[in-house]
Amino acid sequence: MQDRQFTVTEDVKDFILSCFKEDKEHGLKKQKHTAKRIYDRLVEEKGFVGAESTIRKVVKELKDSQNVPPQALVPNRESTLGLPYLR
């Protein structure tokens, strides 16, 4: 299986970076803008027609280079149902 090259414009990268900046300015302990959320905003606000997987790759690269905190792994109610509680 061959890795495909993906290219995004500087406008798209700038939009992604602005999402990171919004999160930082709001003093969030974890990111608000997940790759999925950024992709959805790009489609809705900018008319982006590329693949979500491309945006996920670019978001990961930019996060790594910008030291963006990861999305916290918080169990939701459905994932903990049926599990015994430790005391």
C-alpha atoms as a PDB file:
ATOM      1  CA  MET A   1       0.000   0.000   0.000  1.00  0.00           C
ATOM      2  CA  GLN A   2       1.442   3.312  -1.067  1.00  0.00           C
ATOM      3  CA  ASP A   3       1.261   6.460   1.062  1.00  0.00           C
ATOM      4  CA  ARG A   4      -0.540   9.212  -0.777  1.00  0.00           C
ATOM      5  CA  GLN A   5       0.742  12.738  -0.732  1.00  0.00           C
ATOM      6  CA  PHE A   6      -1.598  15.354   0.638  1.00  0.00           C
ATOM      7  CA  THR A   7      -1.423  19.071   0.154  1.00  0.00           C
ATOM      8  CA  VAL A   8      -3.312  21.820   1.878  1.00  0.00           C
ATOM      9  CA  THR A   9      -3.133  25.533   1.256  1.00  0.00           C
ATOM     10  CA  GLU A  10      -1.639  28.037   3.659  1.00  0.00           C
ATOM     11  CA  ASP A  11      -5.181  29.368   4.210  1.00  0.00           C
ATOM     12  CA  VAL A  12      -6.245  25.992   5.588  1.00  0.00           C
ATOM     13  CA  LYS A  13      -3.149  25.777   7.812  1.00  0.00           C
ATOM     14  CA  ASP A  14      -3.776  29.320   9.045  1.00  0.00           C
ATOM     15  CA  PHE A  15      -7.381  28.403   9.866  1.00  0.00           C
ATOM     16  CA  ILE A  16      -6.225  25.364  11.852  1.00  0.00           C
ATOM     17  CA  LEU A  17      -3.675  27.462  13.733  1.00  0.00           C
ATOM     18  CA  SER A  18      -6.370  30.040  14.493  1.00  0.00           C
ATOM     19  CA  CYS A  19      -8.462  27.252  16.060  1.00  0.00           C
ATOM     20  CA  PHE A  20      -5.517  26.369  18.315  1.00  0.00           C
ATOM     21  CA  LYS A  21      -5.118  30.052  19.178  1.00  0.00           C
ATOM     22  CA  GLU A  22      -8.807  30.337  20.129  1.00  0.00           C
ATOM     23  CA  ASP A  23      -8.426  27.420  22.524  1.00  0.00           C
ATOM     24  CA  LYS A  24      -5.306  28.942  24.054  1.00  0.00           C
ATOM     25  CA  GLU A  25      -6.898  32.387  24.434  1.00  0.00           C
ATOM     26  CA  HIS A  26      -9.850  30.866  26.257  1.00  0.00           C
ATOM     27  CA  GLY A  27      -7.468  29.228  28.721  1.00  0.00           C
ATOM     28  CA  LEU A  28      -8.855  25.764  28.144  1.00  0.00           C
ATOM     29  CA  LYS A  29      -7.109  22.928  29.962  1.00  0.00           C
ATOM     30  CA  LYS A  30      -7.825  20.667  27.021  1.00  0.00           C
ATOM     31  CA  GLN A  31      -8.439  21.428  23.401  1.00  0.00           C
ATOM     32  CA  LYS A  32     -11.900  22.389  22.247  1.00  0.00           C
ATOM     33  CA  HIS A  33     -11.074  21.959  18.592  1.00  0.00           C
ATOM     34  CA  THR A  34     -10.584  18.313  17.759  1.00  0.00           C
ATOM     35  CA  ALA A  35      -9.512  17.377  14.232  1.00  0.00           C
ATOM     36  CA  LYS A  36     -13.131  16.422  13.512  1.00  0.00           C
ATOM     37  CA  ARG A  37     -14.413  19.778  14.774  1.00  0.00           C
ATOM     38  CA  ILE A  38     -11.809  21.651  12.715  1.00  0.00           C
ATOM     39  CA  TYR A  39     -12.747  19.645   9.616  1.00  0.00           C
ATOM     40  CA  ASP A  40     -16.455  20.363  10.165  1.00  0.00           C
ATOM     41  CA  ARG A  41     -15.744  24.090  10.557  1.00  0.00           C
ATOM     42  CA  LEU A  42     -13.593  24.130   7.410  1.00  0.00           C
ATOM     43  CA  VAL A  43     -16.400  22.533   5.406  1.00  0.00           C
ATOM     44  CA  GLU A  44     -19.075  24.809   6.856  1.00  0.00           C
ATOM     45  CA  GLU A  45     -17.199  28.107   7.046  1.00  0.00           C
ATOM     46  CA  LYS A  46     -14.662  27.855   4.225  1.00  0.00           C
ATOM     47  CA  GLY A  47     -16.304  25.465   1.752  1.00  0.00           C
ATOM     48  CA  PHE A  48     -13.475  22.945   2.122  1.00  0.00           C
ATOM     49  CA  VAL A  49     -13.945  19.917  -0.156  1.00  0.00           C
ATOM     50  CA  GLY A  50     -10.949  17.767   0.807  1.00  0.00           C
ATOM     51  CA  ALA A  51     -10.887  14.608   2.889  1.00  0.00           C
ATOM     52  CA  GLU A  52     -11.262  14.554   6.656  1.00  0.00           C
ATOM     53  CA  SER A  53      -8.238  12.240   6.874  1.00  0.00           C
ATOM     54  CA  THR A  54      -6.096  14.920   5.242  1.00  0.00           C
ATOM     55  CA  ILE A  55      -7.151  17.458   7.866  1.00  0.00           C
ATOM     56  CA  ARG A  56      -6.493  14.926  10.637  1.00  0.00           C
ATOM     57  CA  LYS A  57      -2.918  14.478   9.366  1.00  0.00           C
ATOM     58  CA  VAL A  58      -2.299  18.219   9.095  1.00  0.00           C
ATOM     59  CA  VAL A  59      -3.820  18.876  12.539  1.00  0.00           C
ATOM     60  CA  LYS A  60      -1.549  16.225  14.045  1.00  0.00           C
ATOM     61  CA  GLU A  61       1.549  17.701  12.400  1.00  0.00           C
ATOM     62  CA  LEU A  62       0.657  21.229  13.473  1.00  0.00           C
ATOM     63  CA  LYS A  63      -0.194  20.138  17.022  1.00  0.00           C
ATOM     64  CA  ASP A  64       3.153  18.392  17.322  1.00  0.00           C
ATOM     65  CA  SER A  65       4.982  21.494  16.117  1.00  0.00           C
ATOM     66  CA  GLN A  66       2.913  23.888  18.286  1.00  0.00           C
ATOM     67  CA  ASN A  67       2.906  21.842  21.529  1.00  0.00           C
ATOM     68  CA  VAL A  68      -0.892  21.766  21.679  1.00  0.00           C
ATOM     69  CA  PRO A  69      -2.247  19.747  24.635  1.00  0.00           C
ATOM     70  CA  PRO A  70      -3.992  16.492  23.665  1.00  0.00           C
ATOM     71  CA  GLN A  71      -7.699  15.921  24.000  1.00  0.00           C
ATOM     72  CA  ALA A  72      -8.231  14.542  27.497  1.00  0.00           C
ATOM     73  CA  LEU A  73      -9.480  11.004  27.717  1.00  0.00           C
ATOM     74  CA  VAL A  74     -12.493  11.317  29.959  1.00  0.00           C
ATOM     75  CA  PRO A  75     -14.709   8.251  30.233  1.00  0.00           C
ATOM     76  CA  ASN A  76     -18.319   8.963  29.429  1.00  0.00           C
ATOM     77  CA  ARG A  77     -21.286   7.455  31.241  1.00  0.00           C
ATOM     78  CA  GLU A  78     -21.880   4.811  28.551  1.00  0.00           C
ATOM     79  CA  SER A  79     -18.309   3.546  28.672  1.00  0.00           C
ATOM     80  CA  THR A  80     -18.430   2.998  32.430  1.00  0.00           C
ATOM     81  CA  LEU A  81     -21.862   1.362  32.709  1.00  0.00           C
ATOM     82  CA  GLY A  82     -21.631  -2.141  34.011  1.00  0.00           C
ATOM     83  CA  LEU A  83     -18.127  -1.715  35.363  1.00  0.00           C
ATOM     84  CA  PRO A  84     -17.655  -2.195  39.104  1.00  0.00           C
ATOM     85  CA  TYR A  85     -16.654   0.886  41.042  1.00  0.00           C
ATOM     86  CA  LEU A  86     -13.387   0.697  42.929  1.00  0.00           C
ATOM     87  CA  ARG A  87     -13.473   1.966  46.497  1.00  0.00           C
END
